[in-house]
N, C-alpha and C. Protein backbone atom coordinates (compact mmCIF):
# COMPACT_ATOMS: atom_id res chain seq x y z
N MET A 1 1.65 41.50 -91.35
CA MET A 1 1.80 42.94 -91.21
C MET A 1 2.97 43.22 -90.26
N PRO A 2 3.88 44.12 -90.65
CA PRO A 2 5.02 44.43 -89.79
C PRO A 2 4.59 45.04 -88.46
N CYS A 3 5.32 44.68 -87.40
CA CYS A 3 5.02 45.25 -86.08
C CYS A 3 5.58 46.66 -86.00
N ALA A 4 5.15 47.39 -84.98
CA ALA A 4 5.57 48.79 -84.81
C ALA A 4 7.09 48.89 -84.65
N PHE A 5 7.68 47.96 -83.90
CA PHE A 5 9.14 47.99 -83.70
C PHE A 5 9.87 47.84 -85.03
N GLN A 6 9.39 46.94 -85.88
CA GLN A 6 10.01 46.74 -87.19
C GLN A 6 9.90 48.01 -88.03
N GLN A 7 8.74 48.65 -88.02
CA GLN A 7 8.56 49.87 -88.80
C GLN A 7 9.44 51.00 -88.29
N ILE A 8 9.51 51.16 -86.97
CA ILE A 8 10.36 52.20 -86.39
C ILE A 8 11.82 51.94 -86.75
N THR A 9 12.24 50.69 -86.63
CA THR A 9 13.62 50.33 -86.99
C THR A 9 13.88 50.62 -88.46
N HIS A 10 12.97 50.20 -89.32
CA HIS A 10 13.13 50.38 -90.76
C HIS A 10 13.29 51.86 -91.12
N TYR A 11 12.39 52.69 -90.66
CA TYR A 11 12.44 54.10 -91.04
C TYR A 11 13.56 54.84 -90.34
N SER A 12 13.96 54.40 -89.15
CA SER A 12 15.13 55.00 -88.49
C SER A 12 16.39 54.69 -89.29
N LEU A 13 16.49 53.45 -89.77
CA LEU A 13 17.65 53.09 -90.59
C LEU A 13 17.65 53.85 -91.92
N HIS A 14 16.48 54.10 -92.48
CA HIS A 14 16.40 54.84 -93.74
C HIS A 14 16.69 56.33 -93.55
N LEU A 15 16.23 56.92 -92.46
CA LEU A 15 16.29 58.38 -92.32
C LEU A 15 17.37 58.88 -91.37
N ALA A 16 17.49 58.29 -90.19
CA ALA A 16 18.42 58.81 -89.18
C ALA A 16 19.82 58.22 -89.31
N PHE A 17 19.92 56.93 -89.52
CA PHE A 17 21.23 56.28 -89.54
C PHE A 17 22.15 56.82 -90.63
N PRO A 18 21.64 57.16 -91.83
CA PRO A 18 22.53 57.78 -92.82
C PRO A 18 23.17 59.08 -92.30
N GLY A 19 22.47 59.78 -91.42
CA GLY A 19 23.06 60.97 -90.81
C GLY A 19 24.27 60.62 -89.97
N LEU A 20 24.17 59.52 -89.23
CA LEU A 20 25.30 59.06 -88.43
C LEU A 20 26.46 58.62 -89.33
N ILE A 21 26.15 57.90 -90.38
CA ILE A 21 27.19 57.50 -91.35
C ILE A 21 27.87 58.74 -91.92
N ALA A 22 27.07 59.73 -92.30
CA ALA A 22 27.62 60.97 -92.86
C ALA A 22 28.51 61.68 -91.85
N TRP A 23 28.07 61.73 -90.61
CA TRP A 23 28.83 62.43 -89.57
C TRP A 23 30.15 61.72 -89.28
N VAL A 24 30.14 60.40 -89.29
CA VAL A 24 31.36 59.63 -88.99
C VAL A 24 32.35 59.65 -90.16
N PHE A 25 31.87 59.46 -91.39
CA PHE A 25 32.77 59.27 -92.52
C PHE A 25 32.97 60.50 -93.40
N PHE A 26 32.09 61.49 -93.29
CA PHE A 26 32.18 62.68 -94.15
C PHE A 26 32.05 63.94 -93.28
N LYS A 27 32.82 63.99 -92.20
CA LYS A 27 32.69 65.05 -91.19
C LYS A 27 32.71 66.47 -91.76
N GLU A 28 33.58 66.72 -92.74
CA GLU A 28 33.72 68.09 -93.24
C GLU A 28 32.46 68.59 -93.94
N ASN A 29 31.68 67.69 -94.52
CA ASN A 29 30.42 68.07 -95.20
C ASN A 29 29.32 67.09 -94.84
N TRP A 30 29.18 66.77 -93.56
CA TRP A 30 28.27 65.70 -93.17
C TRP A 30 26.82 66.00 -93.51
N LYS A 31 26.41 67.26 -93.41
CA LYS A 31 25.01 67.60 -93.73
C LYS A 31 24.72 67.37 -95.22
N LYS A 32 25.65 67.79 -96.07
CA LYS A 32 25.49 67.57 -97.51
C LYS A 32 25.48 66.08 -97.82
N ALA A 33 26.37 65.32 -97.18
CA ALA A 33 26.42 63.87 -97.40
C ALA A 33 25.12 63.22 -96.95
N TRP A 34 24.58 63.68 -95.83
CA TRP A 34 23.32 63.12 -95.32
C TRP A 34 22.18 63.39 -96.31
N ILE A 35 22.12 64.61 -96.82
CA ILE A 35 21.07 64.96 -97.79
C ILE A 35 21.20 64.11 -99.06
N ILE A 36 22.44 63.92 -99.51
CA ILE A 36 22.65 63.08 -100.70
C ILE A 36 22.18 61.66 -100.42
N MET A 37 22.53 61.14 -99.24
CA MET A 37 22.10 59.77 -98.90
C MET A 37 20.58 59.69 -98.77
N LEU A 38 19.96 60.72 -98.23
CA LEU A 38 18.49 60.72 -98.16
C LEU A 38 17.89 60.75 -99.57
N ALA A 39 18.56 61.45 -100.48
CA ALA A 39 18.06 61.52 -101.86
C ALA A 39 18.09 60.15 -102.54
N THR A 40 18.94 59.26 -102.05
CA THR A 40 18.97 57.92 -102.65
C THR A 40 17.70 57.13 -102.34
N MET A 41 16.84 57.67 -101.48
CA MET A 41 15.54 57.05 -101.24
C MET A 41 14.71 57.05 -102.52
N LEU A 42 15.08 57.89 -103.49
CA LEU A 42 14.38 57.91 -104.78
C LEU A 42 14.47 56.55 -105.49
N VAL A 43 15.39 55.70 -105.04
CA VAL A 43 15.48 54.36 -105.60
C VAL A 43 14.17 53.60 -105.40
N ASP A 44 13.37 54.02 -104.43
CA ASP A 44 12.09 53.37 -104.18
C ASP A 44 11.03 53.71 -105.23
N LEU A 45 11.35 54.58 -106.17
CA LEU A 45 10.41 54.85 -107.26
C LEU A 45 10.15 53.59 -108.09
N ASP A 46 11.06 52.63 -108.00
CA ASP A 46 10.83 51.39 -108.74
C ASP A 46 9.65 50.59 -108.18
N HIS A 47 9.17 50.96 -107.01
CA HIS A 47 7.97 50.32 -106.45
C HIS A 47 6.74 50.66 -107.30
N LEU A 48 6.81 51.76 -108.03
CA LEU A 48 5.66 52.19 -108.84
C LEU A 48 5.37 51.24 -110.00
N VAL A 49 6.33 50.42 -110.38
CA VAL A 49 6.09 49.48 -111.47
C VAL A 49 5.60 48.12 -110.96
N ALA A 50 5.47 47.99 -109.63
CA ALA A 50 5.00 46.73 -109.04
C ALA A 50 3.49 46.76 -108.87
N ASP A 51 2.91 45.57 -108.81
CA ASP A 51 1.47 45.46 -108.55
C ASP A 51 1.27 44.42 -107.45
N PRO A 52 0.82 44.82 -106.28
CA PRO A 52 0.48 46.18 -105.88
C PRO A 52 1.74 47.01 -105.65
N ILE A 53 1.58 48.32 -105.64
CA ILE A 53 2.71 49.22 -105.44
C ILE A 53 3.38 48.95 -104.10
N PHE A 54 2.58 48.76 -103.05
CA PHE A 54 3.13 48.47 -101.72
C PHE A 54 2.52 47.18 -101.21
N ASP A 55 3.36 46.30 -100.77
CA ASP A 55 2.93 45.05 -100.14
C ASP A 55 3.83 44.82 -98.94
N PRO A 56 3.30 44.98 -97.72
CA PRO A 56 4.14 44.86 -96.52
C PRO A 56 4.71 43.46 -96.31
N THR A 57 4.21 42.48 -97.05
CA THR A 57 4.71 41.11 -96.89
C THR A 57 5.69 40.72 -98.00
N ARG A 58 6.05 41.66 -98.86
CA ARG A 58 6.94 41.37 -99.99
C ARG A 58 8.36 41.85 -99.67
N CYS A 59 9.33 41.02 -99.98
CA CYS A 59 10.74 41.39 -99.85
C CYS A 59 11.15 42.19 -101.08
N SER A 60 11.60 43.42 -100.87
CA SER A 60 11.99 44.29 -101.99
C SER A 60 13.23 43.79 -102.72
N ILE A 61 14.16 43.20 -101.96
CA ILE A 61 15.42 42.76 -102.55
C ILE A 61 15.15 41.61 -103.52
N GLY A 62 15.59 41.81 -104.75
CA GLY A 62 15.39 40.80 -105.77
C GLY A 62 14.05 40.89 -106.47
N PHE A 63 13.17 41.77 -106.01
CA PHE A 63 11.85 41.90 -106.63
C PHE A 63 11.77 43.13 -107.52
N HIS A 64 12.11 44.29 -106.97
CA HIS A 64 12.04 45.54 -107.72
C HIS A 64 13.33 45.72 -108.54
N PRO A 65 13.23 46.35 -109.72
CA PRO A 65 14.40 46.47 -110.61
C PRO A 65 15.61 47.14 -109.96
N LEU A 66 15.41 48.23 -109.23
CA LEU A 66 16.54 48.93 -108.61
C LEU A 66 16.95 48.31 -107.28
N HIS A 67 16.26 47.24 -106.89
CA HIS A 67 16.60 46.47 -105.69
C HIS A 67 17.08 45.07 -106.10
N SER A 68 17.38 44.89 -107.38
CA SER A 68 17.81 43.58 -107.89
C SER A 68 19.28 43.35 -107.52
N TYR A 69 19.68 42.09 -107.58
CA TYR A 69 21.08 41.76 -107.28
C TYR A 69 22.01 42.39 -108.32
N TYR A 70 21.54 42.50 -109.55
CA TYR A 70 22.33 43.17 -110.58
C TYR A 70 22.55 44.64 -110.20
N ALA A 71 21.48 45.33 -109.81
CA ALA A 71 21.59 46.74 -109.43
C ALA A 71 22.51 46.90 -108.22
N ILE A 72 22.37 46.01 -107.25
CA ILE A 72 23.21 46.09 -106.04
C ILE A 72 24.68 45.91 -106.41
N SER A 73 24.97 45.03 -107.36
CA SER A 73 26.37 44.87 -107.78
C SER A 73 26.88 46.14 -108.45
N VAL A 74 26.02 46.84 -109.17
CA VAL A 74 26.41 48.13 -109.77
C VAL A 74 26.71 49.14 -108.67
N TYR A 75 25.91 49.15 -107.60
CA TYR A 75 26.15 50.08 -106.49
C TYR A 75 27.51 49.79 -105.84
N PHE A 76 27.87 48.51 -105.70
CA PHE A 76 29.19 48.16 -105.18
C PHE A 76 30.29 48.65 -106.11
N LEU A 77 30.11 48.45 -107.41
CA LEU A 77 31.10 48.92 -108.37
C LEU A 77 31.27 50.43 -108.30
N LEU A 78 30.15 51.15 -108.19
CA LEU A 78 30.23 52.61 -108.05
C LEU A 78 31.07 52.99 -106.84
N PHE A 79 30.86 52.29 -105.74
CA PHE A 79 31.59 52.61 -104.52
C PHE A 79 33.09 52.34 -104.69
N PHE A 80 33.42 51.18 -105.21
CA PHE A 80 34.83 50.79 -105.27
C PHE A 80 35.60 51.39 -106.45
N LEU A 81 34.93 51.68 -107.54
CA LEU A 81 35.64 52.15 -108.73
C LEU A 81 35.61 53.66 -108.93
N SER A 82 34.67 54.33 -108.32
CA SER A 82 34.57 55.78 -108.52
C SER A 82 35.59 56.52 -107.65
N ARG A 83 36.15 57.54 -108.24
CA ARG A 83 37.06 58.41 -107.48
C ARG A 83 36.33 59.67 -106.99
N ALA A 84 35.15 59.91 -107.54
CA ALA A 84 34.38 61.10 -107.17
C ALA A 84 33.70 60.87 -105.82
N ARG A 85 33.94 61.77 -104.89
CA ARG A 85 33.40 61.64 -103.54
C ARG A 85 31.87 61.62 -103.53
N THR A 86 31.25 62.45 -104.36
CA THR A 86 29.79 62.50 -104.39
C THR A 86 29.21 61.16 -104.86
N ILE A 87 29.85 60.55 -105.84
CA ILE A 87 29.39 59.24 -106.33
C ILE A 87 29.55 58.19 -105.23
N LYS A 88 30.63 58.27 -104.48
CA LYS A 88 30.83 57.34 -103.36
C LYS A 88 29.73 57.51 -102.32
N ILE A 89 29.35 58.76 -102.04
CA ILE A 89 28.27 59.02 -101.07
C ILE A 89 26.96 58.44 -101.59
N VAL A 90 26.68 58.62 -102.87
CA VAL A 90 25.47 58.04 -103.47
C VAL A 90 25.51 56.52 -103.33
N ALA A 91 26.65 55.92 -103.63
CA ALA A 91 26.79 54.47 -103.54
C ALA A 91 26.57 53.98 -102.11
N VAL A 92 27.14 54.69 -101.14
CA VAL A 92 26.94 54.33 -99.72
C VAL A 92 25.46 54.41 -99.38
N GLY A 93 24.80 55.48 -99.82
CA GLY A 93 23.37 55.63 -99.56
C GLY A 93 22.56 54.50 -100.16
N LEU A 94 22.86 54.14 -101.40
CA LEU A 94 22.14 53.05 -102.07
C LEU A 94 22.40 51.71 -101.39
N LEU A 95 23.65 51.45 -101.05
CA LEU A 95 23.98 50.17 -100.40
C LEU A 95 23.35 50.08 -99.02
N PHE A 96 23.36 51.19 -98.28
CA PHE A 96 22.73 51.14 -96.96
C PHE A 96 21.21 51.00 -97.09
N HIS A 97 20.65 51.59 -98.12
CA HIS A 97 19.22 51.43 -98.38
C HIS A 97 18.90 49.95 -98.61
N MET A 98 19.73 49.28 -99.40
CA MET A 98 19.52 47.85 -99.67
C MET A 98 19.68 47.03 -98.40
N PHE A 99 20.67 47.39 -97.58
CA PHE A 99 20.86 46.71 -96.29
C PHE A 99 19.61 46.86 -95.42
N THR A 100 19.08 48.06 -95.38
CA THR A 100 17.87 48.33 -94.58
C THR A 100 16.69 47.51 -95.09
N ASP A 101 16.49 47.49 -96.39
CA ASP A 101 15.39 46.71 -96.95
C ASP A 101 15.61 45.21 -96.72
N TYR A 102 16.86 44.78 -96.73
CA TYR A 102 17.16 43.37 -96.47
C TYR A 102 16.77 42.98 -95.04
N GLN A 103 16.89 43.92 -94.12
CA GLN A 103 16.48 43.64 -92.73
C GLN A 103 15.00 43.26 -92.69
N ASP A 104 14.19 43.93 -93.49
CA ASP A 104 12.77 43.57 -93.56
C ASP A 104 12.59 42.15 -94.09
N CYS A 105 13.40 41.79 -95.07
CA CYS A 105 13.31 40.43 -95.62
C CYS A 105 13.62 39.40 -94.54
N LEU A 106 14.62 39.70 -93.71
CA LEU A 106 14.96 38.78 -92.62
C LEU A 106 13.83 38.68 -91.61
N TRP A 107 13.17 39.80 -91.31
CA TRP A 107 12.06 39.80 -90.37
C TRP A 107 10.89 38.96 -90.91
N MET A 108 10.73 38.98 -92.21
CA MET A 108 9.63 38.22 -92.82
C MET A 108 9.87 36.72 -92.77
N GLY A 109 11.13 36.36 -92.69
CA GLY A 109 11.46 34.94 -92.58
C GLY A 109 11.67 34.24 -93.84
């Protein structure tokens, strides 16, 4: 079971840190960028196809379809190949989400 520090870190990285990323890199519309990045949390809907839906001892990366290495490579392609700023913000949100979930995998060992 994850410790309280791990849970606080995980949810801070999911919710607060994207705000800092938005403020640093998208200053002119940082609130909109933050909301878009928060909306990328919908990627966790892929947990609904897992059994059990939530398992605190399971590494999401490589297990859930939208957390697969294939999906992550698509997120990188979106970031590097898209010229649309909104798509880049979505890609940043998705990639940071994967980074955050990967931190849990490291904690699990």
